[in-house]
């Protein structure tokens, strides 16, 4: 209840938004929604809370309960490295393969906009295969993604051990930074950002 990103709280001069999530029977959390809606911040809050709890530290939340993980792994989108000998897609898969070799059923993996280096159809198929394999092995996964083809097809399977969250956006485009349970949408509302940046331009 009320979980927030401790790093963000330490750098802001105001109270940050906390989120609540119950996933006693869930092994995967798929997070979609509006750009700049707080998805990556929420993902960080999950990882930091798990790490702090297992270190015996206070967790930045009103209350927090979780199982002990014997491995916490992150796979975040990286900027293009011009010195790389292979492409960005190959680099993403190599990092994922390295993680897979160390996973056990009590591990947790945090994925942030992974598998988005080619086209949506191929990226969606790769994401599906990887997440289904992780689900079969009992790996707990939190996945922030903009891959609508993947998320919509995955959502339609109505898996009981998967929960879908969406960064809330009000009708006027305002971000609340709350993660609410809901079906993935075919848009990340990038136009909101365009209007915000260019509305005052001549």
Protein backbone atom coordinates (compact mmCIF):
# COMPACT_ATOMS: atom_id res chain seq x y z
CA UNK A 1 0.00 0.00 0.00
CA UNK A 2 1.23 3.48 -0.86
CA UNK A 3 4.54 2.34 -2.37
CA UNK A 4 6.72 5.10 -3.82
CA UNK A 5 10.17 5.55 -5.35
CA UNK A 6 12.53 6.54 -2.53
CA UNK A 7 15.00 8.05 -5.00
CA UNK A 8 12.33 10.37 -6.40
CA UNK A 9 11.14 11.28 -2.90
CA UNK A 10 14.64 12.33 -1.89
CA UNK A 11 15.05 14.68 -4.86
CA UNK A 12 11.64 16.35 -4.87
CA UNK A 13 10.42 19.07 -2.55
CA UNK A 14 6.90 17.70 -2.37
CA UNK A 15 5.14 14.46 -1.52
CA UNK A 16 5.32 11.88 -4.29
CA UNK A 17 2.40 9.72 -5.42
CA UNK A 18 2.27 6.23 -3.95
CA UNK A 19 0.76 3.15 -5.59
CA UNK A 20 -0.93 0.06 -4.24
CA UNK A 21 -0.92 -3.43 -5.72
CA UNK A 22 -2.17 -6.82 -4.59
CA UNK A 23 -0.73 -9.76 -6.51
CA UNK A 24 -0.93 -12.76 -4.18
CA UNK A 25 -1.85 -15.08 -7.06
CA UNK A 26 -0.02 -13.20 -9.81
CA UNK A 27 3.43 -13.86 -11.22
CA UNK A 28 3.49 -11.23 -13.95
CA UNK A 29 2.56 -7.56 -14.02
CA UNK A 30 2.29 -5.90 -17.45
CA UNK A 31 2.38 -2.10 -17.25
CA UNK A 32 1.23 0.12 -20.11
CA UNK A 33 -0.21 3.59 -20.51
CA UNK A 34 0.53 7.21 -21.20
CA UNK A 35 4.04 8.48 -21.83
CA UNK A 36 5.48 10.19 -18.75
CA UNK A 37 2.74 8.62 -16.66
CA UNK A 38 5.05 7.18 -14.00
CA UNK A 39 5.51 3.64 -15.33
CA UNK A 40 9.31 3.50 -15.04
CA UNK A 41 9.16 5.24 -11.65
CA UNK A 42 6.72 2.59 -10.44
CA UNK A 43 9.01 -0.14 -11.74
CA UNK A 44 11.96 1.35 -9.82
CA UNK A 45 9.85 1.54 -6.67
CA UNK A 46 9.13 -2.20 -6.91
CA UNK A 47 12.79 -3.13 -7.31
CA UNK A 48 14.02 -0.80 -4.58
CA UNK A 49 11.34 -1.95 -2.15
CA UNK A 50 12.21 -5.61 -2.70
CA UNK A 51 15.91 -4.90 -2.24
CA UNK A 52 15.39 -2.76 0.87
CA UNK A 53 13.05 -5.31 2.46
CA UNK A 54 15.52 -8.14 1.97
CA UNK A 55 18.28 -5.98 3.46
CA UNK A 56 16.18 -5.50 6.59
CA UNK A 57 15.55 -1.82 5.85
CA UNK A 58 12.37 0.20 6.11
CA UNK A 59 10.45 0.20 2.82
CA UNK A 60 9.05 3.46 1.39
CA UNK A 61 5.39 2.47 1.67
CA UNK A 62 2.45 2.56 4.05
CA UNK A 63 2.71 -1.23 4.15
CA UNK A 64 4.61 -3.80 2.11
CA UNK A 65 4.57 -7.60 2.01
CA UNK A 66 6.46 -9.77 -0.47
CA UNK A 67 8.13 -13.14 -0.76
CA UNK A 68 11.92 -13.40 -0.55
CA UNK A 69 13.60 -13.52 -3.96
CA UNK A 70 17.00 -15.14 -4.41
CA UNK A 71 17.73 -12.99 -7.44
CA UNK A 72 16.62 -9.55 -8.60
CA UNK A 73 17.41 -8.76 -12.25
CA UNK A 74 16.81 -5.70 -14.42
CA UNK A 75 16.61 -5.38 -18.19
CA UNK A 76 16.16 -1.72 -19.07
CA UNK A 77 16.17 -0.11 -22.48
CA UNK A 78 19.60 1.34 -23.27
CA UNK A 79 20.56 4.18 -25.55
CA UNK A 80 22.28 3.28 -28.80
CA UNK A 81 26.01 2.70 -28.34
CA UNK A 82 27.87 3.70 -31.51
CA UNK A 83 30.87 1.61 -30.41
CA UNK A 84 28.88 -1.64 -30.39
CA UNK A 85 29.99 -4.22 -32.90
CA UNK A 86 26.49 -5.62 -33.20
CA UNK A 87 23.09 -3.94 -33.34
CA UNK A 88 20.84 -2.83 -30.50
CA UNK A 89 18.55 -5.82 -30.96
CA UNK A 90 21.43 -8.28 -30.59
CA UNK A 91 22.64 -6.40 -27.51
CA UNK A 92 19.19 -6.65 -25.88
CA UNK A 93 18.97 -10.39 -26.53
CA UNK A 94 22.50 -11.00 -25.20
CA UNK A 95 21.67 -9.19 -21.97
CA UNK A 96 18.43 -11.18 -21.66
CA UNK A 97 20.27 -14.46 -22.28
CA UNK A 98 22.76 -13.58 -19.54
CA UNK A 99 19.88 -12.98 -17.11
CA UNK A 100 18.12 -16.23 -18.06
CA UNK A 101 21.21 -18.28 -17.20
CA UNK A 102 20.99 -17.08 -13.58
CA UNK A 103 17.23 -17.35 -13.02
CA UNK A 104 15.53 -19.69 -10.59
CA UNK A 105 11.79 -20.00 -9.74
CA UNK A 106 12.31 -17.56 -6.83
CA UNK A 107 13.77 -14.80 -8.98
CA UNK A 108 12.29 -11.45 -9.98
CA UNK A 109 12.89 -9.69 -13.31
CA UNK A 110 12.14 -6.03 -14.04
CA UNK A 111 11.82 -5.22 -17.76
CA UNK A 112 11.58 -1.62 -18.94
CA UNK A 113 10.67 -1.16 -22.61
CA UNK A 114 12.68 -4.21 -23.57
CA UNK A 115 12.49 -5.80 -27.05
CA UNK A 116 11.70 -2.60 -28.94
CA UNK A 117 14.58 -2.47 -31.39
CA UNK A 118 13.04 -3.82 -34.61
CA UNK A 119 9.39 -3.64 -35.68
CA UNK A 120 6.35 -4.11 -33.44
CA UNK A 121 5.29 -7.48 -34.86
CA UNK A 122 8.71 -9.08 -34.33
CA UNK A 123 9.22 -7.36 -30.98
CA UNK A 124 5.79 -8.51 -29.80
CA UNK A 125 6.46 -12.12 -30.77
CA UNK A 126 9.82 -12.11 -28.96
CA UNK A 127 8.24 -10.55 -25.87
CA UNK A 128 5.47 -13.17 -25.91
CA UNK A 129 7.84 -16.09 -26.14
CA UNK A 130 10.13 -14.80 -23.40
CA UNK A 131 7.33 -13.90 -20.98
CA UNK A 132 5.50 -17.19 -21.53
CA UNK A 133 8.73 -19.09 -20.84
CA UNK A 134 9.33 -17.09 -17.66
CA UNK A 135 5.73 -17.65 -16.57
CA UNK A 136 6.08 -21.40 -17.02
CA UNK A 137 9.16 -21.37 -14.76
CA UNK A 138 7.42 -19.38 -12.04
CA UNK A 139 9.60 -16.28 -12.45
CA UNK A 140 8.02 -13.09 -11.12
CA UNK A 141 8.10 -10.43 -13.85
CA UNK A 142 7.23 -6.73 -14.01
CA UNK A 143 7.20 -5.50 -17.62
CA UNK A 144 6.77 -1.87 -18.73
CA UNK A 145 6.04 -1.83 -22.46
CA UNK A 146 4.51 0.14 -25.34
CA UNK A 147 4.08 -2.98 -27.51
CA UNK A 148 0.32 -2.88 -28.07
CA UNK A 149 0.18 -5.94 -30.34
CA UNK A 150 1.85 -7.99 -27.61
CA UNK A 151 -0.13 -6.58 -24.68
CA UNK A 152 -3.54 -6.81 -26.36
CA UNK A 153 -3.01 -10.43 -27.42
CA UNK A 154 -1.61 -11.34 -24.01
CA UNK A 155 -4.51 -9.59 -22.28
CA UNK A 156 -7.07 -11.48 -24.36
CA UNK A 157 -5.73 -14.79 -23.05
CA UNK A 158 -7.21 -13.84 -19.65
CA UNK A 159 -4.45 -15.53 -17.66
CA UNK A 160 -5.26 -15.72 -13.97
CA UNK A 161 -1.63 -15.27 -12.95
CA UNK A 162 -1.08 -12.07 -14.96
CA UNK A 163 -2.30 -8.59 -14.00
CA UNK A 164 -2.41 -5.58 -16.34
CA UNK A 165 -1.82 -2.09 -15.00
CA UNK A 166 -2.13 1.19 -16.87
CA UNK A 167 -0.70 4.60 -16.08
CA UNK A 168 -3.76 6.72 -15.39
CA UNK A 169 -4.48 9.70 -17.63
CA UNK A 170 -7.36 12.07 -17.03
CA UNK A 171 -9.59 13.34 -19.85
CA UNK A 172 -7.68 16.62 -20.01
CA UNK A 173 -4.39 14.76 -20.46
CA UNK A 174 -3.19 15.22 -16.89
CA UNK A 175 -1.06 12.39 -15.49
CA UNK A 176 -1.96 11.27 -11.96
CA UNK A 177 1.05 8.90 -11.74
CA UNK A 178 -1.27 6.21 -10.41
CA UNK A 179 -1.13 2.68 -11.81
CA UNK A 180 -4.67 1.35 -12.22
CA UNK A 181 -5.78 -2.10 -13.31
CA UNK A 182 -7.03 -2.00 -16.87
CA UNK A 183 -6.91 -3.19 -20.46
CA UNK A 184 -3.99 -1.95 -22.60
CA UNK A 185 -4.81 0.95 -24.93
CA UNK A 186 -3.58 1.30 -28.54
CA UNK A 187 -2.00 4.68 -27.76
CA UNK A 188 0.57 6.10 -25.35
CA UNK A 189 -0.86 9.61 -25.87
CA UNK A 190 2.32 11.01 -27.35
CA UNK A 191 0.24 13.90 -28.74
CA UNK A 192 -0.13 15.19 -25.16
CA UNK A 193 3.63 15.68 -25.00
CA UNK A 194 3.71 17.27 -28.44
CA UNK A 195 1.02 19.76 -27.46
CA UNK A 196 2.76 20.48 -24.16
CA UNK A 197 6.12 21.18 -25.84
CA UNK A 198 4.93 23.10 -28.89
CA UNK A 199 1.69 24.78 -27.74
CA UNK A 200 3.53 27.96 -26.78
CA UNK A 201 5.71 28.06 -29.90
CA UNK A 202 5.12 30.70 -32.53
